[in-house]
Amino acid sequence: MRKFAGRVKRFRMMNGMTQKQLAKAMHVSLRTVQNIEAFSNEPRYSAINAFRRLEERYAAEDVTAPLAATGALTNKQEDSYV
């Protein structure tokens, strides 16, 4: 489950989200996200499933949008993704 905790945190940071925003997107409590990232306890199946659905939704959308919003891409790079 440590890999899952890292995956959640990496996803959140790559998409420029706070823990609160991620919790809202997953439809779970802020404490649930905090516990997952801190590996405080084993996450419930419903939280794992909610994260996987969120990952799928983001994968289906334009994955370069969060990178462009954070300034991680230059204008030239952004144009090549459009």
N, C-alpha and C. Protein backbone atom coordinates (compact mmCIF):
# COMPACT_ATOMS: atom_id res chain seq x y z
N MET A 1 0.80 -1.20 0.00
CA MET A 1 0.00 0.00 0.00
C MET A 1 0.85 1.27 0.00
N ARG A 2 2.11 1.16 0.32
CA ARG A 2 2.97 2.35 0.28
C ARG A 2 3.06 2.90 -1.14
N LYS A 3 3.05 2.00 -2.12
CA LYS A 3 3.07 2.44 -3.52
C LYS A 3 1.82 3.24 -3.84
N PHE A 4 0.69 2.79 -3.31
CA PHE A 4 -0.56 3.50 -3.54
C PHE A 4 -0.50 4.90 -2.93
N ALA A 5 0.03 5.02 -1.73
CA ALA A 5 0.16 6.32 -1.07
C ALA A 5 1.02 7.26 -1.91
N GLY A 6 2.11 6.75 -2.44
CA GLY A 6 2.98 7.56 -3.29
C GLY A 6 2.30 7.95 -4.59
N ARG A 7 1.53 7.03 -5.12
CA ARG A 7 0.81 7.31 -6.38
C ARG A 7 -0.24 8.40 -6.19
N VAL A 8 -0.92 8.37 -5.06
CA VAL A 8 -1.93 9.39 -4.76
C VAL A 8 -1.27 10.75 -4.64
N LYS A 9 -0.19 10.80 -3.87
CA LYS A 9 0.49 12.09 -3.66
C LYS A 9 1.08 12.61 -4.97
N ARG A 10 1.69 11.74 -5.75
CA ARG A 10 2.28 12.13 -7.03
C ARG A 10 1.20 12.67 -7.98
N PHE A 11 0.07 11.97 -8.04
CA PHE A 11 -1.05 12.41 -8.88
C PHE A 11 -1.51 13.79 -8.46
N ARG A 12 -1.69 13.97 -7.16
CA ARG A 12 -2.16 15.25 -6.63
C ARG A 12 -1.20 16.38 -6.97
N MET A 13 0.07 16.15 -6.77
CA MET A 13 1.06 17.20 -7.02
C MET A 13 1.23 17.49 -8.51
N MET A 14 1.19 16.46 -9.33
CA MET A 14 1.33 16.64 -10.78
C MET A 14 0.15 17.43 -11.36
N ASN A 15 -0.99 17.36 -10.69
CA ASN A 15 -2.17 18.06 -11.16
C ASN A 15 -2.41 19.35 -10.39
N GLY A 16 -1.44 19.76 -9.57
CA GLY A 16 -1.52 21.03 -8.87
C GLY A 16 -2.68 21.13 -7.90
N MET A 17 -3.00 20.03 -7.26
CA MET A 17 -4.14 19.99 -6.34
C MET A 17 -3.68 20.01 -4.89
N THR A 18 -4.50 20.60 -4.04
CA THR A 18 -4.29 20.49 -2.60
C THR A 18 -4.93 19.19 -2.14
N GLN A 19 -4.63 18.78 -0.93
CA GLN A 19 -5.27 17.58 -0.40
C GLN A 19 -6.79 17.78 -0.33
N LYS A 20 -7.20 18.98 0.02
CA LYS A 20 -8.63 19.28 0.11
C LYS A 20 -9.31 19.15 -1.25
N GLN A 21 -8.65 19.66 -2.30
CA GLN A 21 -9.20 19.56 -3.65
C GLN A 21 -9.28 18.11 -4.12
N LEU A 22 -8.25 17.35 -3.80
CA LEU A 22 -8.25 15.93 -4.18
C LEU A 22 -9.38 15.20 -3.45
N ALA A 23 -9.53 15.48 -2.18
CA ALA A 23 -10.61 14.85 -1.40
C ALA A 23 -11.97 15.15 -2.02
N LYS A 24 -12.17 16.39 -2.41
CA LYS A 24 -13.45 16.78 -3.02
C LYS A 24 -13.64 16.04 -4.35
N ALA A 25 -12.60 15.96 -5.16
CA ALA A 25 -12.69 15.28 -6.46
C ALA A 25 -12.96 13.79 -6.30
N MET A 26 -12.42 13.21 -5.22
CA MET A 26 -12.62 11.78 -4.95
C MET A 26 -13.92 11.50 -4.20
N HIS A 27 -14.55 12.55 -3.68
CA HIS A 27 -15.76 12.42 -2.86
C HIS A 27 -15.47 11.65 -1.57
N VAL A 28 -14.32 12.00 -0.96
CA VAL A 28 -13.95 11.45 0.34
C VAL A 28 -13.58 12.60 1.26
N SER A 29 -13.34 12.31 2.52
CA SER A 29 -12.98 13.37 3.46
C SER A 29 -11.51 13.76 3.30
N LEU A 30 -11.22 14.96 3.74
CA LEU A 30 -9.83 15.43 3.76
C LEU A 30 -8.97 14.50 4.59
N ARG A 31 -9.50 14.06 5.72
CA ARG A 31 -8.76 13.14 6.61
C ARG A 31 -8.40 11.85 5.88
N THR A 32 -9.28 11.37 5.01
CA THR A 32 -8.99 10.15 4.25
C THR A 32 -7.77 10.35 3.37
N VAL A 33 -7.71 11.46 2.65
CA VAL A 33 -6.55 11.75 1.79
C VAL A 33 -5.30 11.91 2.64
N GLN A 34 -5.40 12.61 3.74
CA GLN A 34 -4.25 12.79 4.62
C GLN A 34 -3.74 11.44 5.12
N ASN A 35 -4.64 10.58 5.53
CA ASN A 35 -4.24 9.26 6.02
C ASN A 35 -3.62 8.40 4.92
N ILE A 36 -4.16 8.49 3.72
CA ILE A 36 -3.58 7.72 2.60
C ILE A 36 -2.15 8.17 2.34
N GLU A 37 -1.96 9.49 2.20
CA GLU A 37 -0.63 10.01 1.88
C GLU A 37 0.37 9.77 2.99
N ALA A 38 -0.08 9.80 4.24
CA ALA A 38 0.82 9.59 5.38
C ALA A 38 0.98 8.11 5.71
N PHE A 39 0.25 7.29 4.99
CA PHE A 39 0.23 5.84 5.22
C PHE A 39 -0.10 5.53 6.68
N SER A 40 -1.06 6.30 7.22
CA SER A 40 -1.46 6.14 8.62
C SER A 40 -2.20 4.84 8.87
N ASN A 41 -3.01 4.45 7.92
CA ASN A 41 -3.73 3.19 8.04
C ASN A 41 -4.09 2.69 6.64
N GLU A 42 -4.55 1.49 6.59
CA GLU A 42 -4.95 0.87 5.32
C GLU A 42 -6.19 1.58 4.78
N PRO A 43 -6.13 2.12 3.55
CA PRO A 43 -7.31 2.80 3.02
C PRO A 43 -8.44 1.80 2.72
N ARG A 44 -9.65 2.29 2.83
CA ARG A 44 -10.81 1.45 2.51
C ARG A 44 -10.87 1.23 1.00
N TYR A 45 -11.51 0.15 0.65
CA TYR A 45 -11.67 -0.18 -0.77
C TYR A 45 -12.38 0.95 -1.50
N SER A 46 -13.35 1.58 -0.85
CA SER A 46 -14.11 2.65 -1.51
C SER A 46 -13.20 3.83 -1.86
N ALA A 47 -12.22 4.14 -1.01
CA ALA A 47 -11.29 5.24 -1.28
C ALA A 47 -10.35 4.87 -2.43
N ILE A 48 -9.90 3.63 -2.44
CA ILE A 48 -9.02 3.17 -3.52
C ILE A 48 -9.78 3.22 -4.85
N ASN A 49 -11.01 2.75 -4.83
CA ASN A 49 -11.84 2.75 -6.03
C ASN A 49 -12.12 4.18 -6.51
N ALA A 50 -12.37 5.09 -5.56
CA ALA A 50 -12.63 6.49 -5.91
C ALA A 50 -11.41 7.11 -6.59
N PHE A 51 -10.22 6.79 -6.09
CA PHE A 51 -9.00 7.32 -6.70
C PHE A 51 -8.80 6.75 -8.10
N ARG A 52 -9.04 5.49 -8.26
CA ARG A 52 -8.88 4.88 -9.59
C ARG A 52 -9.84 5.49 -10.60
N ARG A 53 -11.07 5.75 -10.18
CA ARG A 53 -12.04 6.40 -11.08
C ARG A 53 -11.56 7.81 -11.46
N LEU A 54 -11.00 8.52 -10.49
CA LEU A 54 -10.48 9.86 -10.74
C LEU A 54 -9.31 9.80 -11.72
N GLU A 55 -8.41 8.86 -11.53
CA GLU A 55 -7.28 8.67 -12.46
C GLU A 55 -7.79 8.42 -13.87
N GLU A 56 -8.78 7.57 -14.00
CA GLU A 56 -9.34 7.26 -15.32
C GLU A 56 -9.95 8.49 -15.97
N ARG A 57 -10.65 9.28 -15.17
CA ARG A 57 -11.27 10.49 -15.69
C ARG A 57 -10.21 11.48 -16.17
N TYR A 58 -9.15 11.64 -15.41
CA TYR A 58 -8.08 12.55 -15.82
C TYR A 58 -7.34 12.01 -17.04
N ALA A 59 -7.19 10.71 -17.14
CA ALA A 59 -6.52 10.11 -18.29
C ALA A 59 -7.32 10.33 -19.56
N ALA A 60 -8.64 10.37 -19.43
CA ALA A 60 -9.50 10.55 -20.59
C ALA A 60 -9.52 12.00 -21.05
N GLU A 61 -9.16 12.92 -20.14
CA GLU A 61 -9.15 14.34 -20.47
C GLU A 61 -7.77 14.74 -20.99
N ASP A 62 -7.61 16.02 -21.27
CA ASP A 62 -6.33 16.54 -21.74
C ASP A 62 -5.34 16.55 -20.58
N VAL A 63 -4.41 15.61 -20.60
CA VAL A 63 -3.47 15.49 -19.49
C VAL A 63 -2.41 16.58 -19.47
N THR A 64 -2.28 17.36 -20.52
CA THR A 64 -1.29 18.43 -20.53
C THR A 64 -1.82 19.71 -19.91
N ALA A 65 -3.12 19.83 -19.73
CA ALA A 65 -3.70 21.05 -19.16
C ALA A 65 -3.14 21.39 -17.79
N PRO A 66 -3.04 20.43 -16.84
CA PRO A 66 -2.46 20.78 -15.55
C PRO A 66 -1.01 21.22 -15.65
N LEU A 67 -0.25 20.61 -16.54
CA LEU A 67 1.15 20.99 -16.70
C LEU A 67 1.26 22.40 -17.26
N ALA A 68 0.44 22.74 -18.21
CA ALA A 68 0.47 24.07 -18.80
C ALA A 68 0.07 25.12 -17.76
N ALA A 69 -0.90 24.78 -16.92
CA ALA A 69 -1.37 25.72 -15.90
C ALA A 69 -0.31 26.02 -14.86
N THR A 70 0.57 25.07 -14.59
CA THR A 70 1.61 25.28 -13.59
C THR A 70 2.86 25.91 -14.19
N GLY A 71 2.87 26.11 -15.51
CA GLY A 71 4.04 26.69 -16.15
C GLY A 71 5.13 25.67 -16.45
N ALA A 72 4.79 24.39 -16.31
CA ALA A 72 5.76 23.33 -16.55
C ALA A 72 6.09 23.18 -18.03
N LEU A 73 5.20 23.66 -18.89
CA LEU A 73 5.45 23.60 -20.32
C LEU A 73 5.68 25.00 -20.86
N THR A 74 6.56 25.13 -21.82
CA THR A 74 6.74 26.40 -22.49
C THR A 74 5.63 26.56 -23.52
N ASN A 75 5.47 27.75 -24.06
CA ASN A 75 4.44 27.96 -25.08
C ASN A 75 4.65 27.06 -26.29
N LYS A 76 5.89 26.86 -26.68
CA LYS A 76 6.18 26.01 -27.83
C LYS A 76 5.76 24.57 -27.54
N GLN A 77 6.04 24.09 -26.32
CA GLN A 77 5.64 22.73 -25.95
C GLN A 77 4.12 22.61 -25.91
N GLU A 78 3.44 23.64 -25.38
CA GLU A 78 1.99 23.61 -25.33
C GLU A 78 1.40 23.48 -26.74
N ASP A 79 1.96 24.22 -27.70
CA ASP A 79 1.46 24.17 -29.07
C ASP A 79 1.60 22.79 -29.67
N SER A 80 2.65 22.08 -29.30
CA SER A 80 2.87 20.75 -29.88
C SER A 80 1.88 19.73 -29.32
N TYR A 81 1.24 20.02 -28.19
CA TYR A 81 0.27 19.10 -27.62
C TYR A 81 -1.15 19.37 -28.09
N VAL A 82 -1.37 20.52 -28.74
CA VAL A 82 -2.72 20.89 -29.15
C VAL A 82 -3.09 20.24 -30.44
